[in-house]
Amino acid sequence: MSPMRTFPGVTSVLLFALAGLPAQAQSRPPITGLAHVGILTSNMAKANEFYGHVLGFEHFSLNKPSGGLMLNYYKINDHQYIEVYPGLKGDEDRLTHVAFVTTGARQLRAYLASKGVKVPASLKPGLDGNLSFEIIAPGGAAAGRTIEFVQYLPGSLHGKKFGKLLGPNRISKHMIHAGFIVQNRADDDLLFRDVLGFQLMWHGGMKDNQTDWVDMRVPNGTNWIEYMLRVQHPSVRARGVMDHFSLGVRDIHAAYRKILARGYTPPHPPQIGRDGKWQLNLYDPDSTRVELMEFKPVRRPCCSPMLGR
């Protein structure tokens, strides 16, 4: 969680800029994978039933300095979490931000500044005890997409939970990708590909000659983000489908049986997606899509080759 975020709904002042490059060159530290996604909910109890019981993740909480719950961290593994925030009021985006793990937050801040990206003037540990900061990806919705970078520190809330809260009921041990609506692919490519070093992993669509999704892999790991293209004036329901995250499973049918046994019936049974992988779509109480997906294709992906892991 960024030290600049106090509670959901605060407008970020970090804007993507293309001018004013500092003269001194900087190197980019590793970006190793997804750290977390931030999800807004209208009902924490119902969200806990879904993320805690149906998906089987244990959690810990962070309170506001002024009192009251700020968020719950649902733990996937020692480096990946689902952050669930109270306060959803209406049709605002449920997916508040996507965060990545870096080994050097201060170095990454300096590197991004050298590339013309607006960043905080300095960093200090946040309320959770980690070093983190936010930027805005330019190609998302009208207000952009908040992207966060996190360096886990010893003694932080997360560090103190290292090796804990990893019970056997977890439906997955890995978050493998996060997807969000992108209005202008060229703008997001400028940030993710050209500045941050993400690699094109695969692209495909509902038709073989059409690109609806673009998968971009982190530069120093196997996780990826998914641009959701060709989405115009989406409804709340459509945004919940497009703005999503994916949990990796080895056997989708075994996961399906566990989900059913926990009292949740997905809208559709498992199916093979256009990328050739088995997948199963679930929805939290506020319509955010959680995609369970096998790690490897069982059928040749459509549309383009897929970069190996």
C-alpha atoms as a PDB file:
ATOM      1  CA  MET A   1       0.000   0.000   0.000  1.00  0.00           C
ATOM      2  CA  SER A   2       1.434   3.350  -0.981  1.00  0.00           C
ATOM      3  CA  PRO A   3       2.346   5.804   1.808  1.00  0.00           C
ATOM      4  CA  MET A   4       0.434   8.433  -0.188  1.00  0.00           C
ATOM      5  CA  ARG A   5      -2.886   6.584  -0.073  1.00  0.00           C
ATOM      6  CA  THR A   6      -4.994   7.302   2.993  1.00  0.00           C
ATOM      7  CA  PHE A   7      -8.279   5.689   1.963  1.00  0.00           C
ATOM      8  CA  PRO A   8     -10.035   4.707  -1.284  1.00  0.00           C
ATOM      9  CA  GLY A   9     -11.348   7.549  -3.376  1.00  0.00           C
ATOM     10  CA  VAL A  10      -8.486   9.990  -2.826  1.00  0.00           C
ATOM     11  CA  THR A  11      -7.461  11.402  -6.185  1.00  0.00           C
ATOM     12  CA  SER A  12      -3.805  10.780  -6.929  1.00  0.00           C
ATOM     13  CA  VAL A  13      -1.683  13.759  -7.893  1.00  0.00           C
ATOM     14  CA  LEU A  14       0.816  11.607  -9.768  1.00  0.00           C
ATOM     15  CA  LEU A  15       0.532  12.202 -13.499  1.00  0.00           C
ATOM     16  CA  PHE A  16       2.443  10.669 -16.396  1.00  0.00           C
ATOM     17  CA  ALA A  17       4.616  13.265 -18.118  1.00  0.00           C
ATOM     18  CA  LEU A  18       6.714  13.023 -21.256  1.00  0.00           C
ATOM     19  CA  ALA A  19       8.834  16.146 -20.860  1.00  0.00           C
ATOM     20  CA  GLY A  20      11.536  17.437 -18.560  1.00  0.00           C
ATOM     21  CA  LEU A  21      13.896  14.471 -18.579  1.00  0.00           C
ATOM     22  CA  PRO A  22      16.668  14.809 -15.971  1.00  0.00           C
ATOM     23  CA  ALA A  23      20.134  14.818 -17.484  1.00  0.00           C
ATOM     24  CA  GLN A  24      21.593  12.026 -15.343  1.00  0.00           C
ATOM     25  CA  ALA A  25      20.918   8.516 -16.616  1.00  0.00           C
ATOM     26  CA  GLN A  26      19.462   5.999 -14.160  1.00  0.00           C
ATOM     27  CA  SER A  27      19.232   2.207 -14.257  1.00  0.00           C
ATOM     28  CA  ARG A  28      16.029   0.287 -13.591  1.00  0.00           C
ATOM     29  CA  PRO A  29      16.007  -2.151 -10.661  1.00  0.00           C
ATOM     30  CA  PRO A  30      14.246  -5.509 -11.059  1.00  0.00           C
ATOM     31  CA  ILE A  31      10.440  -5.675 -11.225  1.00  0.00           C
ATOM     32  CA  THR A  32       9.783  -9.268 -10.272  1.00  0.00           C
ATOM     33  CA  GLY A  33       6.010  -9.730 -10.343  1.00  0.00           C
ATOM     34  CA  LEU A  34       2.621  -8.673  -9.089  1.00  0.00           C
ATOM     35  CA  ALA A  35       2.461  -7.549  -5.456  1.00  0.00           C
ATOM     36  CA  HIS A  36      -1.271  -6.975  -5.108  1.00  0.00           C
ATOM     37  CA  VAL A  37      -4.462  -5.642  -6.605  1.00  0.00           C
ATOM     38  CA  GLY A  38      -6.687  -3.161  -4.773  1.00  0.00           C
ATOM     39  CA  ILE A  39     -10.411  -3.940  -4.752  1.00  0.00           C
ATOM     40  CA  LEU A  40     -13.258  -1.751  -3.480  1.00  0.00           C
ATOM     41  CA  THR A  41     -16.270  -3.383  -1.851  1.00  0.00           C
ATOM     42  CA  SER A  42     -19.615  -2.169  -0.563  1.00  0.00           C
ATOM     43  CA  ASN A  43     -19.796  -4.848   2.128  1.00  0.00           C
ATOM     44  CA  MET A  44     -16.718  -6.141   3.942  1.00  0.00           C
ATOM     45  CA  ALA A  45     -18.568  -9.091   5.474  1.00  0.00           C
ATOM     46  CA  LYS A  46     -19.738 -10.334   2.078  1.00  0.00           C
ATOM     47  CA  ALA A  47     -16.281  -9.702   0.609  1.00  0.00           C
ATOM     48  CA  ASN A  48     -14.757 -11.757   3.429  1.00  0.00           C
ATOM     49  CA  GLU A  49     -17.146 -14.609   2.680  1.00  0.00           C
ATOM     50  CA  PHE A  50     -15.919 -14.602  -0.922  1.00  0.00           C
ATOM     51  CA  TYR A  51     -12.183 -13.952  -0.516  1.00  0.00           C
ATOM     52  CA  GLY A  52     -11.812 -15.678   2.843  1.00  0.00           C
ATOM     53  CA  HIS A  53     -14.185 -18.642   2.557  1.00  0.00           C
ATOM     54  CA  VAL A  54     -14.834 -19.335  -1.146  1.00  0.00           C
ATOM     55  CA  LEU A  55     -11.253 -18.595  -2.220  1.00  0.00           C
ATOM     56  CA  GLY A  56      -9.804 -19.710   1.111  1.00  0.00           C
ATOM     57  CA  PHE A  57      -7.353 -16.867   1.780  1.00  0.00           C
ATOM     58  CA  GLU A  58      -6.460 -15.844   5.314  1.00  0.00           C
ATOM     59  CA  HIS A  59      -6.083 -12.143   6.058  1.00  0.00           C
ATOM     60  CA  PHE A  60      -4.810  -9.415   8.331  1.00  0.00           C
ATOM     61  CA  SER A  61      -5.977  -5.805   8.553  1.00  0.00           C
ATOM     62  CA  LEU A  62      -4.680  -2.216   8.606  1.00  0.00           C
ATOM     63  CA  ASN A  63      -6.515   0.551  10.429  1.00  0.00           C
ATOM     64  CA  LYS A  64      -6.534   4.266   9.645  1.00  0.00           C
ATOM     65  CA  PRO A  65      -4.464   6.468  11.984  1.00  0.00           C
ATOM     66  CA  SER A  66      -7.717   8.233  12.909  1.00  0.00           C
ATOM     67  CA  GLY A  67      -9.399   4.911  13.671  1.00  0.00           C
ATOM     68  CA  GLY A  68     -11.504   2.517  11.658  1.00  0.00           C
ATOM     69  CA  LEU A  69     -10.625  -0.147   9.112  1.00  0.00           C
ATOM     70  CA  MET A  70      -8.546   0.935   6.134  1.00  0.00           C
ATOM     71  CA  LEU A  71      -8.274  -2.436   4.378  1.00  0.00           C
ATOM     72  CA  ASN A  72      -7.903  -6.201   4.659  1.00  0.00           C
ATOM     73  CA  TYR A  73      -4.915  -7.970   3.131  1.00  0.00           C
ATOM     74  CA  TYR A  74      -5.918 -11.412   1.805  1.00  0.00           C
ATOM     75  CA  LYS A  75      -2.705 -13.371   1.543  1.00  0.00           C
ATOM     76  CA  ILE A  76      -2.004 -15.472  -1.543  1.00  0.00           C
ATOM     77  CA  ASN A  77       1.689 -16.015  -0.728  1.00  0.00           C
ATOM     78  CA  ASP A  78       4.446 -14.090   1.051  1.00  0.00           C
ATOM     79  CA  HIS A  79       4.728 -11.589  -1.806  1.00  0.00           C
ATOM     80  CA  GLN A  80       1.188 -11.378  -3.223  1.00  0.00           C
ATOM     81  CA  TYR A  81      -2.044 -10.072  -1.722  1.00  0.00           C
ATOM     82  CA  ILE A  82      -5.568  -8.993  -2.539  1.00  0.00           C
ATOM     83  CA  GLU A  83      -6.188  -5.654  -0.836  1.00  0.00           C
ATOM     84  CA  VAL A  84      -9.897  -5.193  -0.119  1.00  0.00           C
ATOM     85  CA  TYR A  85     -11.086  -1.705   0.852  1.00  0.00           C
ATOM     86  CA  PRO A  86     -14.466  -0.657   2.237  1.00  0.00           C
ATOM     87  CA  GLY A  87     -16.215   2.382   0.822  1.00  0.00           C
ATOM     88  CA  LEU A  88     -17.670   1.442  -2.566  1.00  0.00           C
ATOM     89  CA  LYS A  89     -20.580   3.864  -3.038  1.00  0.00           C
ATOM     90  CA  GLY A  90     -21.898   3.381  -6.554  1.00  0.00           C
ATOM     91  CA  ASP A  91     -20.541   2.894 -10.054  1.00  0.00           C
ATOM     92  CA  GLU A  92     -16.892   3.835  -9.423  1.00  0.00           C
ATOM     93  CA  ASP A  93     -14.162   1.429 -10.577  1.00  0.00           C
ATOM     94  CA  ARG A  94     -13.818  -1.554  -8.282  1.00  0.00           C
ATOM     95  CA  LEU A  95     -10.183  -2.178  -9.259  1.00  0.00           C
ATOM     96  CA  THR A  96      -8.434   0.783  -7.608  1.00  0.00           C
ATOM     97  CA  HIS A  97      -4.842  -0.063  -8.533  1.00  0.00           C
ATOM     98  CA  VAL A  98      -2.374  -2.765  -9.543  1.00  0.00           C
ATOM     99  CA  ALA A  99       0.954  -3.099  -7.709  1.00  0.00           C
ATOM    100  CA  PHE A 100       4.284  -4.705  -8.597  1.00  0.00           C
ATOM    101  CA  VAL A 101       7.183  -5.928  -6.466  1.00  0.00           C
ATOM    102  CA  THR A 102      10.525  -4.222  -6.922  1.00  0.00           C
ATOM    103  CA  THR A 103      13.801  -4.858  -5.138  1.00  0.00           C
ATOM    104  CA  GLY A 104      14.646  -1.142  -5.036  1.00  0.00           C
ATOM    105  CA  ALA A 105      11.815   1.386  -4.691  1.00  0.00           C
ATOM    106  CA  ARG A 106      14.068   4.431  -4.354  1.00  0.00           C
ATOM    107  CA  GLN A 107      16.147   3.411  -7.360  1.00  0.00           C
ATOM    108  CA  LEU A 108      12.997   2.791  -9.394  1.00  0.00           C
ATOM    109  CA  ARG A 109      11.591   6.183  -8.372  1.00  0.00           C
ATOM    110  CA  ALA A 110      14.792   7.835  -9.605  1.00  0.00           C
ATOM    111  CA  TYR A 111      14.760   5.808 -12.818  1.00  0.00           C
ATOM    112  CA  LEU A 112      11.156   6.757 -13.620  1.00  0.00           C
ATOM    113  CA  ALA A 113      11.894  10.396 -12.889  1.00  0.00           C
ATOM    114  CA  SER A 114      14.777  10.223 -15.377  1.00  0.00           C
ATOM    115  CA  LYS A 115      12.287   9.026 -18.003  1.00  0.00           C
ATOM    116  CA  GLY A 116       9.860  11.888 -17.426  1.00  0.00           C
ATOM    117  CA  VAL A 117       7.367  10.082 -15.211  1.00  0.00           C
ATOM    118  CA  LYS A 118       5.924  12.185 -12.373  1.00  0.00           C
ATOM    119  CA  VAL A 119       6.900  10.556  -9.077  1.00  0.00           C
ATOM    120  CA  PRO A 120       7.007  11.594  -5.407  1.00  0.00           C
ATOM    121  CA  ALA A 121       9.866  13.869  -4.397  1.00  0.00           C
ATOM    122  CA  SER A 122      11.042  11.313  -1.828  1.00  0.00           C
ATOM    123  CA  LEU A 123      10.033   8.028  -0.227  1.00  0.00           C
ATOM    124  CA  LYS A 124       9.586   6.871   3.322  1.00  0.00           C
ATOM    125  CA  PRO A 125       7.967   3.731   4.740  1.00  0.00           C
ATOM    126  CA  GLY A 126       4.179   3.829   4.633  1.00  0.00           C
ATOM    127  CA  LEU A 127       1.646   2.835   7.255  1.00  0.00           C
ATOM    128  CA  ASP A 128       2.288  -0.816   6.417  1.00  0.00           C
ATOM    129  CA  GLY A 129       6.043  -0.392   6.935  1.00  0.00           C
ATOM    130  CA  ASN A 130       7.033  -0.950   3.275  1.00  0.00           C
ATOM    131  CA  LEU A 131       8.507   1.432   0.712  1.00  0.00           C
ATOM    132  CA  SER A 132       6.031   2.111  -2.088  1.00  0.00           C
ATOM    133  CA  PHE A 133       4.891   4.797  -4.493  1.00  0.00           C
ATOM    134  CA  GLU A 134       2.311   5.337  -7.219  1.00  0.00           C
ATOM    135  CA  ILE A 135       2.253   6.603 -10.785  1.00  0.00           C
ATOM    136  CA  ILE A 136      -0.541   6.897 -13.326  1.00  0.00           C
ATOM    137  CA  ALA A 137      -0.579   4.744 -16.461  1.00  0.00           C
ATOM    138  CA  PRO A 138      -1.828   7.033 -19.242  1.00  0.00           C
ATOM    139  CA  GLY A 139      -3.773   4.671 -21.483  1.00  0.00           C
ATOM    140  CA  GLY A 140      -6.526   3.609 -19.108  1.00  0.00           C
ATOM    141  CA  ALA A 141      -9.870   5.232 -18.415  1.00  0.00           C
ATOM    142  CA  ALA A 142     -10.284   8.998 -18.485  1.00  0.00           C
ATOM    143  CA  ALA A 143      -8.544   9.440 -15.139  1.00  0.00           C
ATOM    144  CA  GLY A 144      -5.754   6.964 -15.946  1.00  0.00           C
ATOM    145  CA  ARG A 145      -4.858   3.795 -14.076  1.00  0.00           C
ATOM    146  CA  THR A 146      -3.036   3.862 -10.738  1.00  0.00           C
ATOM    147  CA  ILE A 147       0.088   1.691 -10.738  1.00  0.00           C
ATOM    148  CA  GLU A 148       2.047   1.065  -7.559  1.00  0.00           C
ATOM    149  CA  PHE A 149       5.519  -0.314  -6.881  1.00  0.00           C
ATOM    150  CA  VAL A 150       6.309  -1.990  -3.546  1.00  0.00           C
ATOM    151  CA  GLN A 151       9.551  -2.945  -1.852  1.00  0.00           C
ATOM    152  CA  TYR A 152       8.847  -5.238   1.099  1.00  0.00           C
ATOM    153  CA  LEU A 153      10.909  -4.318   4.169  1.00  0.00           C
ATOM    154  CA  PRO A 154      11.827  -6.414   7.217  1.00  0.00           C
ATOM    155  CA  GLY A 155       9.642  -5.490  10.157  1.00  0.00           C
ATOM    156  CA  SER A 156       6.718  -4.329   8.008  1.00  0.00           C
ATOM    157  CA  LEU A 157       3.214  -5.719   8.491  1.00  0.00           C
ATOM    158  CA  HIS A 158       3.924  -8.076   5.604  1.00  0.00           C
ATOM    159  CA  GLY A 159       7.410  -8.962   6.832  1.00  0.00           C
ATOM    160  CA  LYS A 160       6.070  -9.922  10.247  1.00  0.00           C
ATOM    161  CA  LYS A 161       3.594 -12.290   8.538  1.00  0.00           C
ATOM    162  CA  PHE A 162       6.256 -13.964   6.393  1.00  0.00           C
ATOM    163  CA  GLY A 163       5.623 -17.732   6.399  1.00  0.00           C
ATOM    164  CA  LYS A 164       2.273 -17.278   8.158  1.00  0.00           C
ATOM    165  CA  LEU A 165      -1.384 -17.214   7.036  1.00  0.00           C
ATOM    166  CA  LEU A 166      -0.668 -19.760   4.299  1.00  0.00           C
ATOM    167  CA  GLY A 167      -3.350 -22.294   5.150  1.00  0.00           C
ATOM    168  CA  PRO A 168      -4.345 -25.321   3.067  1.00  0.00           C
ATOM    169  CA  ASN A 169      -7.686 -23.836   1.983  1.00  0.00           C
ATOM    170  CA  ARG A 170      -6.127 -21.394  -0.500  1.00  0.00           C
ATOM    171  CA  ILE A 171      -7.645 -22.022  -3.925  1.00  0.00           C
ATOM    172  CA  SER A 172      -4.365 -20.831  -5.445  1.00  0.00           C
ATOM    173  CA  LYS A 173      -0.821 -20.034  -4.348  1.00  0.00           C
ATOM    174  CA  HIS A 174      -0.071 -17.608  -7.186  1.00  0.00           C
ATOM    175  CA  MET A 175      -1.596 -14.509  -8.723  1.00  0.00           C
ATOM    176  CA  ILE A 176      -0.465 -14.781 -12.343  1.00  0.00           C
ATOM    177  CA  HIS A 177      -1.922 -11.700 -14.007  1.00  0.00           C
ATOM    178  CA  ALA A 178      -4.092  -8.618 -13.636  1.00  0.00           C
ATOM    179  CA  GLY A 179      -6.128  -7.080 -16.449  1.00  0.00           C
ATOM    180  CA  PHE A 180      -7.625  -3.648 -16.927  1.00  0.00           C
ATOM    181  CA  ILE A 181      -9.276  -1.539 -19.604  1.00  0.00           C
ATOM    182  CA  VAL A 182      -6.828   0.355 -21.817  1.00  0.00           C
ATOM    183  CA  GLN A 183      -8.171   3.013 -24.180  1.00  0.00           C
ATOM    184  CA  ASN A 184      -4.893   3.760 -25.952  1.00  0.00           C
ATOM    185  CA  ARG A 185      -2.465   0.868 -26.301  1.00  0.00           C
ATOM    186  CA  ALA A 186       0.318   3.072 -27.644  1.00  0.00           C
ATOM    187  CA  ASP A 187       0.318   5.181 -24.482  1.00  0.00           C
ATOM    188  CA  ASP A 188       0.489   2.189 -22.156  1.00  0.00           C
ATOM    189  CA  ASP A 189       3.164   0.566 -24.335  1.00  0.00           C
ATOM    190  CA  LEU A 190       5.229   3.711 -23.904  1.00  0.00           C
ATOM    191  CA  LEU A 191       5.161   3.217 -20.127  1.00  0.00           C
ATOM    192  CA  PHE A 192       5.142  -0.557 -19.670  1.00  0.00           C
ATOM    193  CA  ARG A 193       7.211  -1.683 -22.672  1.00  0.00           C
ATOM    194  CA  ASP A 194       9.545   1.223 -23.418  1.00  0.00           C
ATOM    195  CA  VAL A 195      10.144   2.607 -19.926  1.00  0.00           C
ATOM    196  CA  LEU A 196       9.566  -0.346 -17.584  1.00  0.00           C
ATOM    197  CA  GLY A 197      10.785  -3.144 -19.869  1.00  0.00           C
ATOM    198  CA  PHE A 198       7.678  -5.345 -19.973  1.00  0.00           C
ATOM    199  CA  GLN A 199       7.678  -7.877 -22.837  1.00  0.00           C
ATOM    200  CA  LEU A 200       4.856  -8.792 -25.193  1.00  0.00           C
ATOM    201  CA  MET A 201       3.796 -12.284 -24.127  1.00  0.00           C
ATOM    202  CA  TRP A 202       0.730 -12.911 -26.289  1.00  0.00           C
ATOM    203  CA  HIS A 203      -2.102 -11.069 -27.991  1.00  0.00           C
ATOM    204  CA  GLY A 204      -5.457 -12.356 -29.165  1.00  0.00           C
ATOM    205  CA  GLY A 205      -9.109 -11.667 -29.630  1.00  0.00           C
ATOM    206  CA  MET A 206     -12.574 -13.055 -30.073  1.00  0.00           C
ATOM    207  CA  LYS A 207     -11.720 -13.331 -33.780  1.00  0.00           C
ATOM    208  CA  ASP A 208      -8.390 -14.540 -35.166  1.00  0.00           C
ATOM    209  CA  ASN A 209      -7.734 -11.254 -36.982  1.00  0.00           C
ATOM    210  CA  GLN A 210      -8.732  -9.003 -34.078  1.00  0.00           C
ATOM    211  CA  THR A 211      -6.747  -7.937 -31.008  1.00  0.00           C
ATOM    212  CA  ASP A 212      -8.866  -7.574 -27.890  1.00  0.00           C
ATOM    213  CA  TRP A 213      -6.267  -8.551 -25.294  1.00  0.00           C
ATOM    214  CA  VAL A 214      -2.535  -7.884 -25.028  1.00  0.00           C
ATOM    215  CA  ASP A 215      -0.480  -9.698 -22.389  1.00  0.00           C
ATOM    216  CA  MET A 216       2.665  -7.891 -21.206  1.00  0.00           C
ATOM    217  CA  ARG A 217       5.060  -9.833 -18.958  1.00  0.00           C
ATOM    218  CA  VAL A 218       7.034  -8.196 -16.161  1.00  0.00           C
ATOM    219  CA  PRO A 219      10.729  -7.803 -17.028  1.00  0.00           C
ATOM    220  CA  ASN A 220      12.110 -10.011 -14.241  1.00  0.00           C
ATOM    221  CA  GLY A 221       9.447 -12.635 -13.604  1.00  0.00           C
ATOM    222  CA  THR A 222       6.584 -14.652 -15.067  1.00  0.00           C
ATOM    223  CA  ASN A 223       3.526 -12.567 -14.060  1.00  0.00           C
ATOM    224  CA  TRP A 224       1.843 -10.328 -16.610  1.00  0.00           C
ATOM    225  CA  ILE A 225      -0.708  -7.597 -17.109  1.00  0.00           C
ATOM    226  CA  GLU A 226      -3.457  -7.794 -19.694  1.00  0.00           C
ATOM    227  CA  TYR A 227      -4.586  -4.778 -21.686  1.00  0.00           C
ATOM    228  CA  MET A 228      -8.333  -5.071 -22.256  1.00  0.00           C
ATOM    229  CA  LEU A 229      -8.855  -3.246 -25.560  1.00  0.00           C
ATOM    230  CA  ARG A 230     -11.832  -2.233 -27.698  1.00  0.00           C
ATOM    231  CA  VAL A 231     -14.003  -1.410 -24.677  1.00  0.00           C
ATOM    232  CA  GLN A 232     -16.099   1.688 -25.226  1.00  0.00           C
ATOM    233  CA  HIS A 233     -18.402   3.244 -22.589  1.00  0.00           C
ATOM    234  CA  PRO A 234     -18.524   0.102 -20.420  1.00  0.00           C
ATOM    235  CA  SER A 235     -21.285  -0.438 -17.889  1.00  0.00           C
ATOM    236  CA  VAL A 236     -20.459  -1.201 -14.256  1.00  0.00           C
ATOM    237  CA  ARG A 237     -20.943  -4.892 -15.024  1.00  0.00           C
ATOM    238  CA  ALA A 238     -18.651  -4.715 -18.064  1.00  0.00           C
ATOM    239  CA  ARG A 239     -15.948  -2.932 -16.063  1.00  0.00           C
ATOM    240  CA  GLY A 240     -16.172  -5.690 -13.468  1.00  0.00           C
ATOM    241  CA  VAL A 241     -15.545  -8.255 -16.199  1.00  0.00           C
ATOM    242  CA  MET A 242     -12.683  -6.370 -17.842  1.00  0.00           C
ATOM    243  CA  ASP A 243     -10.895  -5.082 -14.728  1.00  0.00           C
ATOM    244  CA  HIS A 244      -9.923  -8.404 -13.186  1.00  0.00           C
ATOM    245  CA  PHE A 245      -7.147 -10.540 -11.767  1.00  0.00           C
ATOM    246  CA  SER A 246      -6.186 -14.161 -12.294  1.00  0.00           C
ATOM    247  CA  LEU A 247      -5.129 -16.907  -9.896  1.00  0.00           C
ATOM    248  CA  GLY A 248      -3.092 -19.807 -11.216  1.00  0.00           C
ATOM    249  CA  VAL A 249      -4.183 -23.403 -10.534  1.00  0.00           C
ATOM    250  CA  ARG A 250      -2.741 -26.702 -11.691  1.00  0.00           C
ATOM    251  CA  ASP A 251      -6.091 -28.451 -12.150  1.00  0.00           C
ATOM    252  CA  ILE A 252      -9.096 -26.281 -12.998  1.00  0.00           C
ATOM    253  CA  HIS A 253     -11.573 -29.104 -12.474  1.00  0.00           C
ATOM    254  CA  ALA A 254     -10.282 -29.841  -8.973  1.00  0.00           C
ATOM    255  CA  ALA A 255     -10.539 -26.116  -8.182  1.00  0.00           C
ATOM    256  CA  TYR A 256     -14.089 -26.081  -9.570  1.00  0.00           C
ATOM    257  CA  ARG A 257     -15.100 -28.918  -7.257  1.00  0.00           C
ATOM    258  CA  LYS A 258     -13.665 -27.063  -4.244  1.00  0.00           C
ATOM    259  CA  ILE A 259     -15.537 -23.878  -5.182  1.00  0.00           C
ATOM    260  CA  LEU A 260     -18.816 -25.771  -5.492  1.00  0.00           C
ATOM    261  CA  ALA A 261     -18.238 -27.510  -2.158  1.00  0.00           C
ATOM    262  CA  ARG A 262     -17.795 -24.107  -0.502  1.00  0.00           C
ATOM    263  CA  GLY A 263     -21.253 -23.026  -1.610  1.00  0.00           C
ATOM    264  CA  TYR A 264     -20.423 -20.880  -4.645  1.00  0.00           C
ATOM    265  CA  THR A 265     -21.741 -21.757  -8.107  1.00  0.00           C
ATOM    266  CA  PRO A 266     -19.906 -19.969 -10.938  1.00  0.00           C
ATOM    267  CA  PRO A 267     -22.001 -18.628 -13.839  1.00  0.00           C
ATOM    268  CA  HIS A 268     -20.387 -21.165 -16.178  1.00  0.00           C
ATOM    269  CA  PRO A 269     -18.300 -24.332 -15.728  1.00  0.00           C
ATOM    270  CA  PRO A 270     -14.606 -24.397 -16.697  1.00  0.00           C
ATOM    271  CA  GLN A 271     -13.821 -23.720 -20.349  1.00  0.00           C
ATOM    272  CA  ILE A 272     -10.769 -23.385 -22.590  1.00  0.00           C
ATOM    273  CA  GLY A 273     -10.011 -19.779 -23.470  1.00  0.00           C
ATOM    274  CA  ARG A 274      -8.645 -18.348 -26.688  1.00  0.00           C
ATOM    275  CA  ASP A 275      -5.170 -18.567 -25.179  1.00  0.00           C
ATOM    276  CA  GLY A 276      -5.552 -22.363 -24.998  1.00  0.00           C
ATOM    277  CA  LYS A 277      -5.729 -22.516 -21.191  1.00  0.00           C
ATOM    278  CA  TRP A 278      -8.462 -23.912 -18.971  1.00  0.00           C
ATOM    279  CA  GLN A 279     -10.144 -21.124 -17.026  1.00  0.00           C
ATOM    280  CA  LEU A 280     -13.038 -20.515 -14.639  1.00  0.00           C
ATOM    281  CA  ASN A 281     -14.637 -17.134 -13.981  1.00  0.00           C
ATOM    282  CA  LEU A 282     -15.869 -16.172 -10.505  1.00  0.00           C
ATOM    283  CA  TYR A 283     -17.324 -12.842  -9.343  1.00  0.00           C
ATOM    284  CA  ASP A 284     -17.077 -11.213  -5.956  1.00  0.00           C
ATOM    285  CA  PRO A 285     -20.205  -9.615  -4.371  1.00  0.00           C
ATOM    286  CA  ASP A 286     -19.543  -6.326  -6.214  1.00  0.00           C
ATOM    287  CA  SER A 287     -19.029  -7.998  -9.622  1.00  0.00           C
ATOM    288  CA  THR A 288     -15.226  -7.940  -9.790  1.00  0.00           C
ATOM    289  CA  ARG A 289     -14.107 -10.901 -11.883  1.00  0.00           C
ATOM    290  CA  VAL A 290     -11.613 -13.354 -10.431  1.00  0.00           C
ATOM    291  CA  GLU A 291     -10.294 -15.719 -13.071  1.00  0.00           C
ATOM    292  CA  LEU A 292      -8.902 -19.116 -12.155  1.00  0.00           C
ATOM    293  CA  MET A 293      -6.518 -20.254 -14.879  1.00  0.00           C
ATOM    294  CA  GLU A 294      -4.236 -23.207 -15.480  1.00  0.00           C
ATOM    295  CA  PHE A 295      -0.584 -22.332 -15.967  1.00  0.00           C
ATOM    296  CA  LYS A 296      -0.040 -23.923 -19.378  1.00  0.00           C
ATOM    297  CA  PRO A 297      -2.114 -24.157 -22.566  1.00  0.00           C
ATOM    298  CA  VAL A 298      -3.708 -27.485 -23.392  1.00  0.00           C
ATOM    299  CA  ARG A 299      -4.557 -26.273 -26.880  1.00  0.00           C
ATOM    300  CA  ARG A 300      -2.636 -24.091 -29.318  1.00  0.00           C
ATOM    301  CA  PRO A 301      -3.359 -20.409 -28.544  1.00  0.00           C
ATOM    302  CA  CYS A 302      -5.121 -18.428 -31.207  1.00  0.00           C
ATOM    303  CA  CYS A 303      -3.881 -15.378 -32.990  1.00  0.00           C
ATOM    304  CA  SER A 304      -0.166 -15.183 -32.058  1.00  0.00           C
ATOM    305  CA  PRO A 305       2.682 -17.222 -30.573  1.00  0.00           C
ATOM    306  CA  MET A 306       2.934 -17.243 -26.773  1.00  0.00           C
ATOM    307  CA  LEU A 307       6.200 -16.300 -25.082  1.00  0.00           C
ATOM    308  CA  GLY A 308       7.465 -19.186 -22.967  1.00  0.00           C
ATOM    309  CA  ARG A 309       7.739 -18.902 -19.194  1.00  0.00           C
END
